[in-house]
Amino acid sequence: MKISKAVMATIATAMVAGFASPSWSTETTIKVVETGEGGGAMGLKLDPMTVKAGPAVLSVHNDAATENHEMIVVKLKSADEKIPLNTAKHRVDEKKLKSLGEVSDLKPGADGQLKINLAAGSYLVFCNIKGHYEAGMTAMLTVTP
């Protein structure tokens, strides 16, 4: 069976294109929206809440009108790990957790990004400005193999 040069060129181009942009090198984008004002309910939402292991970008937006926020990502030992809370300071004790990074000092309406490599497991995403974690600015991120 004889294959024409045009068919061979098409096959070669398809193979090179496939090797040039392997699917494992793409980053997963996780949208993070932080809401709430001081003295009221606060929130932190992730979309999606479950992703596959690998490189990821957490794209965070502070949707508050007047309140600064931050976003911290920590890897937990298990999904039910007790979060160390310093009740006197109304903050999570970050020294007792493994932080993968943060986006700090997000002014109202501001955006930020955090690029990280996620291994399979459970992660806590939260705002650790005084009182914000206790007011509901926390979400769990599940990473599958």
N, C-alpha and C. Protein backbone atom coordinates (compact mmCIF):
# COMPACT_ATOMS: atom_id res chain seq x y z
N MET A 1 0.84 -1.16 0.00
CA MET A 1 0.00 0.00 0.00
C MET A 1 0.89 1.23 0.00
N LYS A 2 0.61 2.14 -0.89
CA LYS A 2 1.41 3.34 -1.04
C LYS A 2 0.62 4.52 -0.47
N ILE A 3 1.29 5.34 0.40
CA ILE A 3 0.66 6.50 1.00
C ILE A 3 1.22 7.75 0.32
N SER A 4 0.33 8.63 -0.05
CA SER A 4 0.77 9.83 -0.76
C SER A 4 1.55 10.75 0.17
N LYS A 5 2.35 11.63 -0.41
CA LYS A 5 3.13 12.60 0.37
C LYS A 5 2.22 13.55 1.14
N ALA A 6 1.08 13.90 0.56
CA ALA A 6 0.14 14.82 1.23
C ALA A 6 -0.42 14.18 2.50
N VAL A 7 -0.75 12.88 2.43
CA VAL A 7 -1.27 12.18 3.60
C VAL A 7 -0.18 12.08 4.67
N MET A 8 1.03 11.76 4.26
CA MET A 8 2.15 11.67 5.19
C MET A 8 2.40 13.02 5.87
N ALA A 9 2.33 14.11 5.11
CA ALA A 9 2.54 15.45 5.66
C ALA A 9 1.46 15.79 6.68
N THR A 10 0.22 15.41 6.38
CA THR A 10 -0.88 15.66 7.32
C THR A 10 -0.68 14.89 8.62
N ILE A 11 -0.28 13.62 8.51
CA ILE A 11 -0.03 12.79 9.70
C ILE A 11 1.12 13.37 10.51
N ALA A 12 2.19 13.77 9.85
CA ALA A 12 3.35 14.34 10.53
C ALA A 12 2.99 15.63 11.25
N THR A 13 2.20 16.48 10.60
CA THR A 13 1.78 17.75 11.22
C THR A 13 0.93 17.49 12.45
N ALA A 14 0.02 16.54 12.36
CA ALA A 14 -0.85 16.21 13.49
C ALA A 14 -0.03 15.68 14.66
N MET A 15 0.97 14.86 14.37
CA MET A 15 1.81 14.30 15.43
C MET A 15 2.63 15.39 16.11
N VAL A 16 3.21 16.28 15.32
CA VAL A 16 4.01 17.37 15.89
C VAL A 16 3.12 18.28 16.74
N ALA A 17 1.95 18.59 16.26
CA ALA A 17 1.02 19.45 17.01
C ALA A 17 0.66 18.79 18.34
N GLY A 18 0.46 17.48 18.32
CA GLY A 18 0.11 16.76 19.54
C GLY A 18 1.24 16.77 20.54
N PHE A 19 2.50 16.64 20.08
CA PHE A 19 3.64 16.66 20.97
C PHE A 19 3.98 18.07 21.43
N ALA A 20 3.68 19.05 20.63
CA ALA A 20 4.04 20.43 20.97
C ALA A 20 3.18 20.99 22.09
N SER A 21 1.96 20.49 22.22
CA SER A 21 1.08 21.03 23.28
C SER A 21 0.39 19.90 24.01
N PRO A 22 1.17 19.13 24.81
CA PRO A 22 0.55 18.02 25.52
C PRO A 22 -0.46 18.53 26.54
N SER A 23 -1.51 17.73 26.75
CA SER A 23 -2.57 18.16 27.64
C SER A 23 -2.11 18.28 29.09
N TRP A 24 -1.06 17.55 29.49
CA TRP A 24 -0.62 17.61 30.88
C TRP A 24 0.05 18.93 31.22
N SER A 25 0.39 19.75 30.25
CA SER A 25 1.07 21.01 30.56
C SER A 25 0.09 22.17 30.74
N THR A 26 -1.17 21.96 30.54
CA THR A 26 -2.13 23.05 30.70
C THR A 26 -2.46 23.24 32.17
N GLU A 27 -2.70 24.48 32.54
CA GLU A 27 -3.04 24.80 33.92
C GLU A 27 -4.56 24.78 34.09
N THR A 28 -4.98 24.31 35.24
CA THR A 28 -6.38 24.38 35.61
C THR A 28 -6.64 25.73 36.27
N THR A 29 -7.68 26.42 35.85
CA THR A 29 -8.03 27.69 36.48
C THR A 29 -9.14 27.46 37.50
N ILE A 30 -8.92 27.95 38.70
CA ILE A 30 -9.90 27.87 39.77
C ILE A 30 -10.30 29.30 40.10
N LYS A 31 -11.58 29.60 39.91
CA LYS A 31 -12.07 30.95 40.23
C LYS A 31 -12.40 31.03 41.71
N VAL A 32 -11.90 32.08 42.34
CA VAL A 32 -12.14 32.31 43.77
C VAL A 32 -12.81 33.68 43.90
N VAL A 33 -13.98 33.71 44.54
CA VAL A 33 -14.68 34.97 44.76
C VAL A 33 -14.85 35.16 46.27
N GLU A 34 -14.33 36.29 46.75
CA GLU A 34 -14.42 36.63 48.17
C GLU A 34 -15.49 37.70 48.35
N THR A 35 -16.36 37.50 49.33
CA THR A 35 -17.47 38.43 49.55
C THR A 35 -17.56 38.80 51.02
N GLY A 36 -18.23 39.89 51.29
CA GLY A 36 -18.56 40.24 52.66
C GLY A 36 -17.90 41.51 53.15
N GLU A 37 -18.62 42.12 54.08
CA GLU A 37 -18.17 43.36 54.72
C GLU A 37 -18.04 43.11 56.21
N GLY A 38 -17.22 43.91 56.88
CA GLY A 38 -17.03 43.80 58.32
C GLY A 38 -18.35 43.87 59.06
N GLY A 39 -18.51 42.99 60.04
CA GLY A 39 -19.72 42.98 60.84
C GLY A 39 -20.85 42.16 60.25
N GLY A 40 -20.68 41.66 59.03
CA GLY A 40 -21.72 40.86 58.38
C GLY A 40 -21.18 39.51 57.94
N ALA A 41 -22.04 38.78 57.26
CA ALA A 41 -21.63 37.48 56.74
C ALA A 41 -20.57 37.65 55.66
N MET A 42 -19.64 36.73 55.62
CA MET A 42 -18.58 36.75 54.62
C MET A 42 -18.54 35.40 53.95
N GLY A 43 -17.95 35.35 52.77
CA GLY A 43 -17.89 34.08 52.06
C GLY A 43 -16.70 33.99 51.14
N LEU A 44 -16.38 32.77 50.76
CA LEU A 44 -15.32 32.48 49.82
C LEU A 44 -15.80 31.30 48.99
N LYS A 45 -15.95 31.50 47.68
CA LYS A 45 -16.47 30.45 46.80
C LYS A 45 -15.42 30.05 45.78
N LEU A 46 -15.34 28.74 45.53
CA LEU A 46 -14.42 28.17 44.54
C LEU A 46 -15.22 27.58 43.39
N ASP A 47 -14.72 27.78 42.18
CA ASP A 47 -15.33 27.17 41.01
C ASP A 47 -14.24 26.75 40.03
N PRO A 48 -14.01 25.44 39.92
CA PRO A 48 -14.67 24.31 40.56
C PRO A 48 -14.09 24.04 41.95
N MET A 49 -14.78 23.17 42.69
CA MET A 49 -14.33 22.80 44.04
C MET A 49 -13.51 21.51 44.03
N THR A 50 -13.51 20.81 42.90
CA THR A 50 -12.73 19.59 42.73
C THR A 50 -11.98 19.69 41.40
N VAL A 51 -10.67 19.44 41.43
CA VAL A 51 -9.84 19.48 40.23
C VAL A 51 -8.89 18.30 40.23
N LYS A 52 -8.27 18.05 39.08
CA LYS A 52 -7.25 17.00 38.98
C LYS A 52 -5.90 17.58 39.39
N ALA A 53 -5.03 16.72 39.88
CA ALA A 53 -3.69 17.12 40.30
C ALA A 53 -2.93 17.72 39.12
N GLY A 54 -2.06 18.68 39.44
CA GLY A 54 -1.24 19.31 38.42
C GLY A 54 -1.18 20.81 38.61
N PRO A 55 -0.62 21.50 37.63
CA PRO A 55 -0.50 22.95 37.75
C PRO A 55 -1.85 23.64 37.73
N ALA A 56 -1.99 24.65 38.58
CA ALA A 56 -3.26 25.36 38.69
C ALA A 56 -3.01 26.85 38.93
N VAL A 57 -3.98 27.64 38.51
CA VAL A 57 -3.98 29.07 38.78
C VAL A 57 -5.25 29.38 39.56
N LEU A 58 -5.09 29.93 40.74
CA LEU A 58 -6.24 30.40 41.50
C LEU A 58 -6.40 31.87 41.16
N SER A 59 -7.48 32.17 40.49
CA SER A 59 -7.78 33.54 40.05
C SER A 59 -8.80 34.11 41.03
N VAL A 60 -8.35 35.04 41.88
CA VAL A 60 -9.18 35.51 42.98
C VAL A 60 -9.69 36.93 42.73
N HIS A 61 -10.95 37.15 43.12
CA HIS A 61 -11.57 38.47 42.99
C HIS A 61 -12.19 38.85 44.32
N ASN A 62 -11.87 40.05 44.80
CA ASN A 62 -12.49 40.57 46.02
C ASN A 62 -13.75 41.33 45.60
N ASP A 63 -14.89 40.72 45.86
CA ASP A 63 -16.18 41.28 45.46
C ASP A 63 -16.79 42.22 46.52
N ALA A 64 -16.04 42.47 47.58
CA ALA A 64 -16.53 43.35 48.64
C ALA A 64 -16.49 44.81 48.18
N ALA A 65 -17.37 45.62 48.77
CA ALA A 65 -17.43 47.04 48.41
C ALA A 65 -16.44 47.88 49.20
N THR A 66 -16.16 47.48 50.46
CA THR A 66 -15.30 48.32 51.30
C THR A 66 -14.23 47.55 52.07
N GLU A 67 -14.27 46.23 52.03
CA GLU A 67 -13.42 45.41 52.89
C GLU A 67 -12.24 44.80 52.13
N ASN A 68 -11.02 44.92 52.68
CA ASN A 68 -9.86 44.21 52.13
C ASN A 68 -9.96 42.74 52.48
N HIS A 69 -9.43 41.87 51.60
CA HIS A 69 -9.37 40.44 51.86
C HIS A 69 -8.03 39.91 51.41
N GLU A 70 -7.77 38.65 51.72
CA GLU A 70 -6.61 37.93 51.23
C GLU A 70 -7.03 36.49 50.98
N MET A 71 -6.19 35.73 50.28
CA MET A 71 -6.49 34.33 50.03
C MET A 71 -5.24 33.52 50.31
N ILE A 72 -5.38 32.54 51.18
CA ILE A 72 -4.28 31.65 51.55
C ILE A 72 -4.69 30.23 51.20
N VAL A 73 -3.75 29.44 50.69
CA VAL A 73 -4.01 28.04 50.34
C VAL A 73 -3.07 27.17 51.18
N VAL A 74 -3.65 26.21 51.91
CA VAL A 74 -2.85 25.27 52.70
C VAL A 74 -3.26 23.85 52.35
N LYS A 75 -2.27 22.96 52.34
CA LYS A 75 -2.54 21.54 52.11
C LYS A 75 -2.79 20.91 53.47
N LEU A 76 -3.88 20.17 53.57
CA LEU A 76 -4.23 19.51 54.81
C LEU A 76 -3.73 18.07 54.81
N LYS A 77 -3.51 17.53 55.99
CA LYS A 77 -3.12 16.12 56.11
C LYS A 77 -4.28 15.21 55.75
N SER A 78 -5.51 15.68 56.06
CA SER A 78 -6.73 14.94 55.71
C SER A 78 -7.87 15.95 55.62
N ALA A 79 -8.96 15.54 54.98
CA ALA A 79 -10.10 16.45 54.79
C ALA A 79 -10.74 16.86 56.12
N ASP A 80 -10.57 16.04 57.16
CA ASP A 80 -11.18 16.36 58.45
C ASP A 80 -10.17 16.89 59.47
N GLU A 81 -9.01 17.34 58.99
CA GLU A 81 -7.99 17.89 59.90
C GLU A 81 -8.56 19.08 60.66
N LYS A 82 -8.29 19.12 61.96
CA LYS A 82 -8.73 20.25 62.79
C LYS A 82 -7.88 21.47 62.45
N ILE A 83 -8.53 22.58 62.17
CA ILE A 83 -7.83 23.81 61.79
C ILE A 83 -7.43 24.55 63.07
N PRO A 84 -6.13 24.84 63.24
CA PRO A 84 -5.69 25.51 64.46
C PRO A 84 -6.10 26.99 64.46
N LEU A 85 -6.98 27.35 65.35
CA LEU A 85 -7.51 28.70 65.41
C LEU A 85 -7.03 29.39 66.68
N ASN A 86 -6.44 30.56 66.52
CA ASN A 86 -6.05 31.38 67.66
C ASN A 86 -7.24 32.27 67.96
N THR A 87 -8.05 31.85 68.93
CA THR A 87 -9.30 32.57 69.22
C THR A 87 -9.05 33.96 69.79
N ALA A 88 -7.92 34.17 70.47
CA ALA A 88 -7.61 35.50 71.02
C ALA A 88 -7.35 36.51 69.91
N LYS A 89 -6.75 36.03 68.81
CA LYS A 89 -6.44 36.93 67.68
C LYS A 89 -7.46 36.82 66.55
N HIS A 90 -8.39 35.87 66.69
CA HIS A 90 -9.42 35.64 65.67
C HIS A 90 -8.80 35.36 64.30
N ARG A 91 -7.80 34.49 64.29
CA ARG A 91 -7.10 34.11 63.06
C ARG A 91 -6.71 32.64 63.12
N VAL A 92 -6.54 32.05 61.94
CA VAL A 92 -5.98 30.70 61.83
C VAL A 92 -4.49 30.82 62.15
N ASP A 93 -3.95 29.86 62.91
CA ASP A 93 -2.51 29.85 63.22
C ASP A 93 -1.78 29.24 62.02
N GLU A 94 -1.37 30.10 61.11
CA GLU A 94 -0.76 29.64 59.86
C GLU A 94 0.55 28.87 60.06
N LYS A 95 1.24 29.14 61.16
CA LYS A 95 2.52 28.47 61.43
C LYS A 95 2.34 26.97 61.62
N LYS A 96 1.13 26.55 61.97
CA LYS A 96 0.87 25.13 62.20
C LYS A 96 0.34 24.41 60.96
N LEU A 97 0.29 25.12 59.84
CA LEU A 97 -0.20 24.54 58.58
C LEU A 97 0.85 24.72 57.49
N LYS A 98 0.74 23.93 56.43
CA LYS A 98 1.67 24.03 55.30
C LYS A 98 1.06 24.91 54.21
N SER A 99 1.50 26.17 54.16
CA SER A 99 0.97 27.11 53.17
C SER A 99 1.64 26.90 51.81
N LEU A 100 0.84 26.95 50.76
CA LEU A 100 1.37 26.86 49.40
C LEU A 100 1.49 28.24 48.77
N GLY A 101 1.03 29.24 49.47
CA GLY A 101 1.11 30.60 48.96
C GLY A 101 -0.14 31.38 49.26
N GLU A 102 -0.08 32.67 48.90
CA GLU A 102 -1.23 33.54 49.17
C GLU A 102 -1.26 34.71 48.21
N VAL A 103 -2.42 35.31 48.15
CA VAL A 103 -2.61 36.60 47.49
C VAL A 103 -3.04 37.52 48.62
N SER A 104 -2.18 38.49 48.96
CA SER A 104 -2.47 39.32 50.13
C SER A 104 -2.92 40.71 49.72
N ASP A 105 -3.53 41.38 50.68
CA ASP A 105 -3.93 42.77 50.55
C ASP A 105 -4.74 43.07 49.30
N LEU A 106 -5.81 42.31 49.11
CA LEU A 106 -6.71 42.55 47.97
C LEU A 106 -7.71 43.64 48.34
N LYS A 107 -7.56 44.77 47.72
CA LYS A 107 -8.47 45.90 47.94
C LYS A 107 -9.85 45.56 47.36
N PRO A 108 -10.90 46.25 47.78
CA PRO A 108 -12.24 46.01 47.22
C PRO A 108 -12.22 46.13 45.69
N GLY A 109 -12.77 45.12 45.02
CA GLY A 109 -12.83 45.10 43.56
C GLY A 109 -11.57 44.62 42.88
N ALA A 110 -10.51 44.34 43.65
CA ALA A 110 -9.22 43.95 43.07
C ALA A 110 -9.19 42.46 42.73
N ASP A 111 -8.26 42.12 41.84
CA ASP A 111 -8.04 40.74 41.41
C ASP A 111 -6.59 40.35 41.68
N GLY A 112 -6.37 39.06 41.81
CA GLY A 112 -5.01 38.54 41.99
C GLY A 112 -4.95 37.11 41.52
N GLN A 113 -3.73 36.58 41.42
CA GLN A 113 -3.54 35.20 40.98
C GLN A 113 -2.47 34.52 41.82
N LEU A 114 -2.64 33.23 41.99
CA LEU A 114 -1.65 32.38 42.64
C LEU A 114 -1.47 31.15 41.77
N LYS A 115 -0.24 30.92 41.32
CA LYS A 115 0.07 29.72 40.52
C LYS A 115 0.73 28.71 41.44
N ILE A 116 0.15 27.51 41.48
CA ILE A 116 0.68 26.45 42.33
C ILE A 116 0.56 25.11 41.62
N ASN A 117 1.32 24.15 42.11
CA ASN A 117 1.22 22.78 41.61
C ASN A 117 0.51 21.96 42.68
N LEU A 118 -0.65 21.43 42.35
CA LEU A 118 -1.48 20.72 43.31
C LEU A 118 -1.27 19.22 43.22
N ALA A 119 -0.97 18.60 44.36
CA ALA A 119 -0.92 17.15 44.46
C ALA A 119 -2.29 16.68 44.95
N ALA A 120 -2.58 15.42 44.75
CA ALA A 120 -3.87 14.89 45.21
C ALA A 120 -4.00 15.10 46.72
N GLY A 121 -5.20 15.46 47.16
CA GLY A 121 -5.45 15.66 48.57
C GLY A 121 -6.48 16.73 48.83
N SER A 122 -6.52 17.19 50.08
CA SER A 122 -7.48 18.20 50.50
C SER A 122 -6.74 19.49 50.84
N TYR A 123 -7.34 20.60 50.43
CA TYR A 123 -6.75 21.92 50.64
C TYR A 123 -7.78 22.84 51.27
N LEU A 124 -7.30 23.73 52.13
CA LEU A 124 -8.15 24.76 52.72
C LEU A 124 -7.76 26.08 52.06
N VAL A 125 -8.77 26.79 51.57
CA VAL A 125 -8.58 28.11 50.98
C VAL A 125 -9.34 29.07 51.89
N PHE A 126 -8.66 30.12 52.38
CA PHE A 126 -9.32 30.99 53.35
C PHE A 126 -8.71 32.38 53.38
N CYS A 127 -9.44 33.29 54.02
CA CYS A 127 -8.96 34.64 54.29
C CYS A 127 -8.60 34.68 55.77
N ASN A 128 -7.39 35.15 56.08
CA ASN A 128 -6.96 35.15 57.47
C ASN A 128 -6.83 36.55 58.06
N ILE A 129 -7.52 37.51 57.47
CA ILE A 129 -7.62 38.82 58.11
C ILE A 129 -8.47 38.63 59.36
N LYS A 130 -8.15 39.36 60.41
CA LYS A 130 -8.79 39.18 61.72
C LYS A 130 -10.32 39.03 61.61
N GLY A 131 -10.80 37.87 62.07
CA GLY A 131 -12.23 37.59 62.12
C GLY A 131 -12.85 37.05 60.84
N HIS A 132 -12.15 37.12 59.72
CA HIS A 132 -12.75 36.73 58.44
C HIS A 132 -12.95 35.21 58.33
N TYR A 133 -12.00 34.41 58.80
CA TYR A 133 -12.17 32.95 58.77
C TYR A 133 -13.40 32.57 59.59
N GLU A 134 -13.52 33.14 60.78
CA GLU A 134 -14.65 32.83 61.66
C GLU A 134 -15.97 33.30 61.06
N ALA A 135 -15.93 34.33 60.21
CA ALA A 135 -17.15 34.86 59.58
C ALA A 135 -17.55 34.08 58.32
N GLY A 136 -16.79 33.04 57.98
CA GLY A 136 -17.19 32.18 56.86
C GLY A 136 -16.33 32.26 55.61
N MET A 137 -15.18 32.92 55.68
CA MET A 137 -14.33 33.03 54.48
C MET A 137 -13.38 31.84 54.40
N THR A 138 -13.97 30.69 54.07
CA THR A 138 -13.21 29.45 53.97
C THR A 138 -13.91 28.51 53.00
N ALA A 139 -13.12 27.73 52.29
CA ALA A 139 -13.66 26.72 51.37
C ALA A 139 -12.67 25.58 51.26
N MET A 140 -13.20 24.38 50.99
CA MET A 140 -12.35 23.20 50.79
C MET A 140 -12.18 22.96 49.29
N LEU A 141 -10.95 22.67 48.90
CA LEU A 141 -10.63 22.30 47.53
C LEU A 141 -10.16 20.86 47.55
N THR A 142 -10.78 20.02 46.73
CA THR A 142 -10.40 18.61 46.63
C THR A 142 -9.65 18.41 45.33
N VAL A 143 -8.48 17.75 45.43
CA VAL A 143 -7.65 17.47 44.26
C VAL A 143 -7.54 15.96 44.11
N THR A 144 -7.96 15.49 42.94
CA THR A 144 -7.94 14.06 42.65
C THR A 144 -6.70 13.70 41.83
N PRO A 145 -6.29 12.44 41.87
CA PRO A 145 -5.10 12.03 41.10
C PRO A 145 -5.29 12.17 39.60
